[in-house]
Amino acid sequence: MLIEHRGEVEFDFLNILHISLTQVAARDPGELYRLLKLLLTRPDSQIAAAVAGWDRALSLEAVMLASLYTAWTGQRHPLMPDAPDLSLTDVETRLADMALEAMNRR
C-alpha cells in the first residue's frame, strides 16, 4: 500500500498527524503500522479515499450530514460513495434519531 499510495500517505501524515512519514518509519515501524490503520478508518484521509476507490476524501461533517439525510429520507445521500461496507452503524442511526427528535421538539 505504501508503494502504490505513497503520496496520499505522506500527505495524511503531514496534514492530519502533523509528523513526517520518514520520522515515524525510522523511529518505530510498529507505530507506523498502527497510525496507518488509524488513517484508513478516517473518511477525511486521502489514503482511505484512495483505498476505497472514492473520487475524493470526505470531511467528517459531510459524512454526518449525509448520514442525517439518509436517516431522514431513507435514501442514501448522493455524496456518500456507493460501497456495501458503508452501511449505517447503530451509533450513527441513534445519533441521527436524536438529532431529528431535537429538531422536532422546536
C-alpha atoms as a PDB file:
ATOM      1  CA  MET A   1       0.000   0.000   0.000  1.00  0.00           C
ATOM      2  CA  LEU A   2       2.836   2.401   0.773  1.00  0.00           C
ATOM      3  CA  ILE A   3       4.282   1.803  -2.677  1.00  0.00           C
ATOM      4  CA  GLU A   4       1.003   2.397  -4.540  1.00  0.00           C
ATOM      5  CA  HIS A   5      -0.239   5.335  -2.460  1.00  0.00           C
ATOM      6  CA  ARG A   6       2.880   6.917  -1.008  1.00  0.00           C
ATOM      7  CA  GLY A   7       1.787  10.466  -1.863  1.00  0.00           C
ATOM      8  CA  GLU A   8      -1.550  10.080  -0.094  1.00  0.00           C
ATOM      9  CA  VAL A   9       0.110   8.524   2.967  1.00  0.00           C
ATOM     10  CA  GLU A  10       2.724  11.300   3.187  1.00  0.00           C
ATOM     11  CA  PHE A  11       0.015  13.956   2.788  1.00  0.00           C
ATOM     12  CA  ASP A  12      -2.087  12.445   5.586  1.00  0.00           C
ATOM     13  CA  PHE A  13       0.864  12.064   7.936  1.00  0.00           C
ATOM     14  CA  LEU A  14       1.848  15.705   7.450  1.00  0.00           C
ATOM     15  CA  ASN A  15      -1.630  17.271   7.436  1.00  0.00           C
ATOM     16  CA  ILE A  16      -3.617  15.066   9.813  1.00  0.00           C
ATOM     17  CA  LEU A  17      -0.999  13.647  12.174  1.00  0.00           C
ATOM     18  CA  HIS A  18       1.474  16.573  11.837  1.00  0.00           C
ATOM     19  CA  ILE A  19       4.540  14.338  11.650  1.00  0.00           C
ATOM     20  CA  SER A  20       6.740  13.157   8.796  1.00  0.00           C
ATOM     21  CA  LEU A  21       6.258   9.634   7.483  1.00  0.00           C
ATOM     22  CA  THR A  22      10.017   9.060   7.386  1.00  0.00           C
ATOM     23  CA  GLN A  23      10.393  10.138  11.030  1.00  0.00           C
ATOM     24  CA  VAL A  24       7.805   7.614  12.176  1.00  0.00           C
ATOM     25  CA  ALA A  25       9.212   4.840   9.967  1.00  0.00           C
ATOM     26  CA  ALA A  26      12.742   5.417  11.271  1.00  0.00           C
ATOM     27  CA  ARG A  27      11.633   5.581  14.896  1.00  0.00           C
ATOM     28  CA  ASP A  28       9.208   2.630  15.115  1.00  0.00           C
ATOM     29  CA  PRO A  29       7.769   0.575  12.211  1.00  0.00           C
ATOM     30  CA  GLY A  30       5.078  -0.769  14.551  1.00  0.00           C
ATOM     31  CA  GLU A  31       3.863   2.740  15.241  1.00  0.00           C
ATOM     32  CA  LEU A  32       3.823   3.414  11.503  1.00  0.00           C
ATOM     33  CA  TYR A  33       1.562   0.393  11.003  1.00  0.00           C
ATOM     34  CA  ARG A  34      -0.800   1.441  13.822  1.00  0.00           C
ATOM     35  CA  LEU A  35      -1.070   5.033  12.574  1.00  0.00           C
ATOM     36  CA  LEU A  36      -1.712   3.838   9.034  1.00  0.00           C
ATOM     37  CA  LYS A  37      -4.527   1.603  10.295  1.00  0.00           C
ATOM     38  CA  LEU A  38      -5.963   4.629  12.093  1.00  0.00           C
ATOM     39  CA  LEU A  39      -5.823   6.752   8.936  1.00  0.00           C
ATOM     40  CA  LEU A  40      -7.654   4.051   6.979  1.00  0.00           C
ATOM     41  CA  THR A  41     -10.660   4.422   9.303  1.00  0.00           C
ATOM     42  CA  ARG A  42     -10.982   8.187   8.732  1.00  0.00           C
ATOM     43  CA  PRO A  43     -13.138   9.224   5.762  1.00  0.00           C
ATOM     44  CA  ASP A  44     -11.338  12.583   5.635  1.00  0.00           C
ATOM     45  CA  SER A  45      -7.937  10.999   4.925  1.00  0.00           C
ATOM     46  CA  GLN A  46      -6.563  10.782   1.400  1.00  0.00           C
ATOM     47  CA  ILE A  47      -5.321   7.219   1.869  1.00  0.00           C
ATOM     48  CA  ALA A  48      -8.738   5.948   2.993  1.00  0.00           C
ATOM     49  CA  ALA A  49     -10.340   7.588  -0.043  1.00  0.00           C
ATOM     50  CA  ALA A  50      -7.732   6.125  -2.402  1.00  0.00           C
ATOM     51  CA  VAL A  51      -8.016   2.597  -0.974  1.00  0.00           C
ATOM     52  CA  ALA A  52     -11.829   2.734  -1.063  1.00  0.00           C
ATOM     53  CA  GLY A  53     -11.762   3.974  -4.658  1.00  0.00           C
ATOM     54  CA  TRP A  54     -13.533   7.270  -3.911  1.00  0.00           C
ATOM     55  CA  ASP A  55     -13.043  10.354  -6.066  1.00  0.00           C
ATOM     56  CA  ARG A  56     -12.219  12.496  -3.042  1.00  0.00           C
ATOM     57  CA  ALA A  57     -11.926  12.350   0.712  1.00  0.00           C
ATOM     58  CA  LEU A  58     -14.999  13.328   2.704  1.00  0.00           C
ATOM     59  CA  SER A  59     -14.912  15.585   5.728  1.00  0.00           C
ATOM     60  CA  LEU A  60     -16.376  14.246   8.949  1.00  0.00           C
ATOM     61  CA  GLU A  61     -19.048  16.948   8.769  1.00  0.00           C
ATOM     62  CA  ALA A  62     -20.058  15.830   5.274  1.00  0.00           C
ATOM     63  CA  VAL A  63     -20.404  12.237   6.464  1.00  0.00           C
ATOM     64  CA  MET A  64     -22.544  13.315   9.433  1.00  0.00           C
ATOM     65  CA  LEU A  65     -24.812  15.475   7.277  1.00  0.00           C
ATOM     66  CA  ALA A  66     -25.149  12.737   4.670  1.00  0.00           C
ATOM     67  CA  SER A  67     -26.000  10.284   7.460  1.00  0.00           C
ATOM     68  CA  LEU A  68     -28.690  12.643   8.749  1.00  0.00           C
ATOM     69  CA  TYR A  69     -30.092  12.973   5.231  1.00  0.00           C
ATOM     70  CA  THR A  70     -30.117   9.198   4.857  1.00  0.00           C
ATOM     71  CA  ALA A  71     -31.865   8.733   8.192  1.00  0.00           C
ATOM     72  CA  TRP A  72     -34.399  11.448   7.388  1.00  0.00           C
ATOM     73  CA  THR A  73     -35.326  10.353   3.866  1.00  0.00           C
ATOM     74  CA  GLY A  74     -34.499   6.659   3.952  1.00  0.00           C
ATOM     75  CA  GLN A  75     -32.427   7.051   0.781  1.00  0.00           C
ATOM     76  CA  ARG A  76     -28.655   7.119   0.553  1.00  0.00           C
ATOM     77  CA  HIS A  77     -27.292  10.639   0.063  1.00  0.00           C
ATOM     78  CA  PRO A  78     -25.622  11.122  -3.361  1.00  0.00           C
ATOM     79  CA  LEU A  79     -22.461  12.453  -1.692  1.00  0.00           C
ATOM     80  CA  MET A  80     -21.835   9.125   0.013  1.00  0.00           C
ATOM     81  CA  PRO A  81     -19.814   6.689  -2.094  1.00  0.00           C
ATOM     82  CA  ASP A  82     -21.518   3.508  -3.214  1.00  0.00           C
ATOM     83  CA  ALA A  83     -19.930   0.724  -1.227  1.00  0.00           C
ATOM     84  CA  PRO A  84     -21.596  -2.182   0.532  1.00  0.00           C
ATOM     85  CA  ASP A  85     -19.425  -1.781   3.642  1.00  0.00           C
ATOM     86  CA  LEU A  86     -20.581   1.811   4.287  1.00  0.00           C
ATOM     87  CA  SER A  87     -23.955   0.979   5.787  1.00  0.00           C
ATOM     88  CA  LEU A  88     -25.068   2.999   8.765  1.00  0.00           C
ATOM     89  CA  THR A  89     -23.932   1.710  12.120  1.00  0.00           C
ATOM     90  CA  ASP A  90     -26.204   1.555  15.152  1.00  0.00           C
ATOM     91  CA  VAL A  91     -24.400   4.552  16.640  1.00  0.00           C
ATOM     92  CA  GLU A  92     -24.935   6.654  13.509  1.00  0.00           C
ATOM     93  CA  THR A  93     -28.602   5.702  13.422  1.00  0.00           C
ATOM     94  CA  ARG A  94     -29.049   6.607  17.099  1.00  0.00           C
ATOM     95  CA  LEU A  95     -27.250   9.938  16.598  1.00  0.00           C
ATOM     96  CA  ALA A  96     -29.445  10.754  13.619  1.00  0.00           C
ATOM     97  CA  ASP A  97     -32.574   9.826  15.588  1.00  0.00           C
ATOM     98  CA  MET A  98     -31.502  12.026  18.499  1.00  0.00           C
ATOM     99  CA  ALA A  99     -30.831  14.954  16.143  1.00  0.00           C
ATOM    100  CA  LEU A 100     -34.228  14.512  14.478  1.00  0.00           C
ATOM    101  CA  GLU A 101     -36.005  14.348  17.851  1.00  0.00           C
ATOM    102  CA  ALA A 102     -34.261  17.546  18.952  1.00  0.00           C
ATOM    103  CA  MET A 103     -35.283  19.260  15.721  1.00  0.00           C
ATOM    104  CA  ASN A 104     -38.891  18.100  16.085  1.00  0.00           C
ATOM    105  CA  ARG A 105     -39.131  19.429  19.678  1.00  0.00           C
ATOM    106  CA  ARG A 106     -38.603  23.015  18.498  1.00  0.00           C
END
